[in-house]
Structure formats: C-alpha cells, structure tokens
Protein backbone atom coordinates (compact mmCIF):
# COMPACT_ATOMS: atom_id res chain seq x y z
CA MET A 1 133.78 -133.32 55.51
CA LYS A 2 132.14 -130.18 54.15
CA PRO A 3 133.33 -129.72 50.57
CA ASN A 4 133.41 -126.07 49.56
CA THR A 5 135.62 -126.11 46.49
CA VAL A 6 135.44 -127.95 43.18
CA GLU A 7 138.49 -130.02 44.15
CA LYS A 8 136.98 -131.10 47.48
CA VAL A 9 133.74 -132.13 45.80
CA LEU A 10 135.56 -134.08 43.09
CA ALA A 11 137.63 -135.80 45.77
CA THR A 12 134.43 -137.37 47.14
CA PHE A 13 134.02 -139.43 43.96
CA GLU A 14 135.50 -142.90 43.89
CA PRO A 15 137.33 -144.05 40.75
CA ASN A 16 134.91 -145.24 38.04
CA ASN A 17 131.98 -144.04 40.14
CA LYS A 18 129.79 -141.07 39.29
CA TYR A 19 128.48 -140.67 42.86
CA GLY A 20 129.97 -138.29 45.36
CA SER A 21 128.77 -135.60 47.73
CA ILE A 22 128.50 -131.84 47.92
CA TYR A 23 127.99 -129.55 50.89
CA PHE A 24 124.73 -127.57 50.71
CA ALA A 25 125.45 -124.56 52.92
CA LYS A 26 121.86 -123.27 53.02
CA PHE A 27 120.84 -126.48 54.80
CA ASP A 28 124.20 -127.14 56.56
CA LYS A 29 124.09 -130.61 55.07
CA THR A 30 126.22 -132.79 52.83
CA VAL A 31 124.07 -134.15 50.00
CA GLU A 32 124.59 -137.02 47.56
CA LEU A 33 125.65 -135.84 44.11
CA SER A 34 125.54 -137.82 40.88
CA LEU A 35 127.02 -137.16 37.47
CA ASP A 36 125.97 -138.61 34.14
CA ASP A 37 128.56 -140.52 32.12
CA GLU A 38 127.87 -138.41 29.05
CA ILE A 39 128.57 -135.12 30.86
CA SER A 40 132.06 -133.74 30.37
CA ASP A 41 134.39 -133.02 33.27
CA TYR A 42 134.33 -129.38 32.22
CA TYR A 43 130.52 -129.20 32.46
CA TYR A 44 130.20 -130.72 35.90
CA LYS A 45 133.04 -128.55 37.22
CA ARG A 46 131.07 -125.55 35.93
CA CYS A 47 127.95 -126.90 37.67
CA ILE A 48 129.79 -127.22 40.99
CA GLU A 49 131.13 -123.67 40.68
CA THR A 50 127.65 -122.42 39.78
CA PHE A 51 126.09 -124.22 42.74
CA PHE A 52 128.50 -122.49 45.11
CA LYS A 53 127.41 -119.11 43.68
CA TRP A 54 123.74 -119.56 44.60
CA GLY A 55 122.71 -116.51 46.61
CA GLU A 56 119.87 -115.18 48.71
CA THR A 57 117.94 -113.81 45.73
CA LEU A 58 117.71 -117.32 44.27
CA PHE A 59 116.84 -118.84 47.66
CA THR A 60 114.06 -116.27 48.10
CA GLU A 61 112.66 -117.26 44.70
CA LEU A 62 112.94 -120.97 45.60
CA ALA A 63 111.21 -120.34 48.94
CA ASN A 64 108.37 -118.45 47.25
CA ALA A 65 107.90 -121.17 44.61
CA SER A 66 108.12 -123.95 47.24
CA PHE A 67 105.55 -122.15 49.40
CA LYS A 68 103.23 -121.85 46.39
CA PHE A 69 103.71 -125.57 45.75
CA PHE A 70 102.83 -126.24 49.40
CA LEU A 71 99.68 -124.07 49.22
CA ASP A 72 98.51 -125.69 45.98
CA TYR A 73 99.19 -129.16 47.34
CA GLU A 74 97.41 -128.33 50.61
CA ASP A 75 94.43 -127.05 48.65
CA ASP A 76 94.36 -130.20 46.50
CA CYS A 77 94.44 -132.39 49.62
CA GLY A 78 91.77 -130.42 51.47
CA GLY A 79 94.18 -129.11 54.10
CA PHE A 80 96.51 -130.63 56.65
CA ASP A 81 95.61 -131.13 60.31
CA ASP A 82 99.18 -131.41 61.56
CA LEU A 83 101.17 -129.16 59.22
CA LYS A 84 100.95 -125.41 58.86
CA ILE A 85 103.37 -123.27 56.90
CA ASN A 86 102.43 -119.60 57.03
CA SER A 87 105.09 -117.97 54.89
CA PRO A 88 107.82 -118.72 52.35
CA GLU A 89 110.44 -118.22 55.07
CA GLU A 90 108.98 -121.18 57.01
CA VAL A 91 109.46 -123.57 54.07
CA TRP A 92 113.09 -124.21 55.02
CA GLN A 93 111.94 -125.84 58.28
CA HIS A 94 109.89 -128.42 56.38
CA CYS A 95 112.15 -129.60 53.57
CA THR A 96 115.67 -130.90 53.17
CA PRO A 97 117.72 -131.76 50.08
CA ILE A 98 118.61 -135.41 49.63
CA TYR A 99 120.00 -135.66 46.11
CA ILE A 100 121.61 -133.34 43.54
CA HIS A 101 122.04 -134.14 39.87
CA PHE A 102 123.56 -132.10 37.06
CA VAL A 103 121.55 -132.03 33.83
CA ALA A 104 123.02 -131.11 30.45
CA CYS A 105 120.97 -129.44 27.73
CA GLU A 106 122.05 -129.77 24.10
CA LYS A 107 119.99 -126.72 23.09
CA ASN A 108 121.63 -124.58 25.76
CA PRO A 109 125.20 -125.87 26.27
CA ASP A 110 126.46 -122.60 27.79
CA SER A 111 124.07 -122.88 30.73
CA THR A 112 124.24 -125.11 33.78
CA PHE A 113 121.20 -126.98 35.10
CA ILE A 114 121.11 -128.24 38.67
CA ASP A 115 118.33 -130.63 39.66
CA ILE A 116 117.61 -131.20 43.35
CA GLN A 117 115.37 -133.73 45.06
CA LEU A 118 114.11 -132.68 48.48
CA ASP A 119 112.23 -134.47 51.21
CA CYS A 120 109.31 -132.28 52.22
CA GLU A 121 106.74 -132.83 54.93
CA TRP A 122 103.72 -132.04 52.76
CA GLU A 123 104.65 -134.41 49.88
CA PRO A 124 106.42 -137.37 51.53
CA GLU A 125 105.54 -139.86 48.79
CA HIS A 126 106.98 -138.05 45.77
CA CYS A 127 109.23 -135.44 47.39
CA MET A 128 109.82 -132.01 45.87
CA GLN A 129 112.02 -131.12 42.93
CA TRP A 130 113.86 -127.93 42.01
CA LEU A 131 115.55 -127.27 38.69
CA VAL A 132 117.78 -124.19 38.56
CA LYS A 133 119.38 -122.78 35.44
CA ASN A 134 122.74 -121.15 36.09
CA ASP A 135 122.84 -119.41 39.48
CA ASN A 136 119.72 -117.30 39.15
CA GLU A 137 116.80 -118.83 37.24
CA VAL A 138 114.25 -121.19 38.74
CA MET A 139 112.97 -123.47 35.97
CA TYR A 140 110.80 -125.84 38.00
CA VAL A 141 109.47 -126.35 41.52
CA GLY A 142 106.95 -129.09 42.14
CA PRO A 143 106.61 -132.80 42.80
CA TYR A 144 109.68 -134.87 42.00
CA TYR A 145 109.36 -136.50 38.59
CA GLY A 146 113.01 -137.39 38.13
CA HIS A 147 113.59 -135.20 35.10
CA ALA A 148 112.49 -131.61 34.63
CA ARG A 149 112.42 -129.76 31.34
CA THR A 150 115.42 -127.57 30.59
CA ASP A 151 113.85 -125.78 27.63
CA LYS A 152 111.21 -123.72 29.46
CA LYS A 153 109.88 -122.91 32.89
CA VAL A 154 107.15 -125.30 33.96
CA GLY A 155 105.07 -126.00 37.04
CA ILE A 156 102.08 -128.08 37.97
CA SER A 157 99.57 -125.25 38.03
CA ASP A 158 98.47 -122.60 35.57
CA SER A 159 100.26 -119.95 37.59
CA ASN A 160 103.65 -121.62 36.97
CA TYR A 161 105.72 -121.90 40.14
CA ALA A 162 108.78 -120.16 38.82
C-alpha cells in the first residue's frame, strides 16, 4: 500500500500503537513512521500534510547538504576506495530513508519538524539524519544522533550543512 493522504497514513497505525508507515515518493518506498504520545493528533496530521508538500527545491537543498556531509566524511576518513559520489544529484543513489519521526517544539508550536533517518553507504554505522522545518527549511543534515535541535540550524562542520 502506498499511502498518499493523511487518512491512508493514519490507517496504517494499529490501535494503541504509535507506529505506522508513510509513502516517501522521492524514494518510491514506504517508510516506518512513529509518533510521540505527547504529540496531538492535530500536530501529526499537520506533519503528514507538510511531508506530502515537500518539493524539488527542498530536495535540491537536502541533496546539496547530504553531498557536503559525504565530502566532509570522506575527507575525515581519508577517502573511499569503493565509493565515489561526484555530485549532489548522485546522492540519491547512495542513501535510502528507513525511519521518519515527527518532532514537536514548544518554542515554535506553529511549525512542523520532520526527522528522518537514512541508511547511507558512506556512514553505515551511524546512518544519516535530516531534520526539516515545515516544507522548506533544512535544519540539520549529518550523522544520525537520534534527536536534532529544533531551535537553530546545526551541522557537524563550521560551514553548517544547511
């Protein structure tokens, strides 16, 4: 099943269970989705609607930030013998989303925050993490730490991925 509406996504959740799935069209893949108990139904419905509004401008920004993460990581490791990514457009061939989580922010309750964990070939141990505010602002791209800051853009280098 490829959910593409709020109702279809919500139908993937079992009663008393905050785990379901959501279709990620950019990757043509259904991804596990989790909701926190303290998040209101209204908020996660807004998050689902926001996720479905993600467009090419945001994906270009995510590709650029992911490519920068790859280059920095490659530099830190001294290069890779078996992996070469030459442009941001090639990033999509080397990563795939595995988990989506909605994050609420008390300081910014009118915004949505969508946190995504991705398997990526250059960082198989920790994976990669994206945090997107609303449908247009990249807040974080870097190694997966499990929780990214919602109060400001951060990265793992001085140049700030976002």
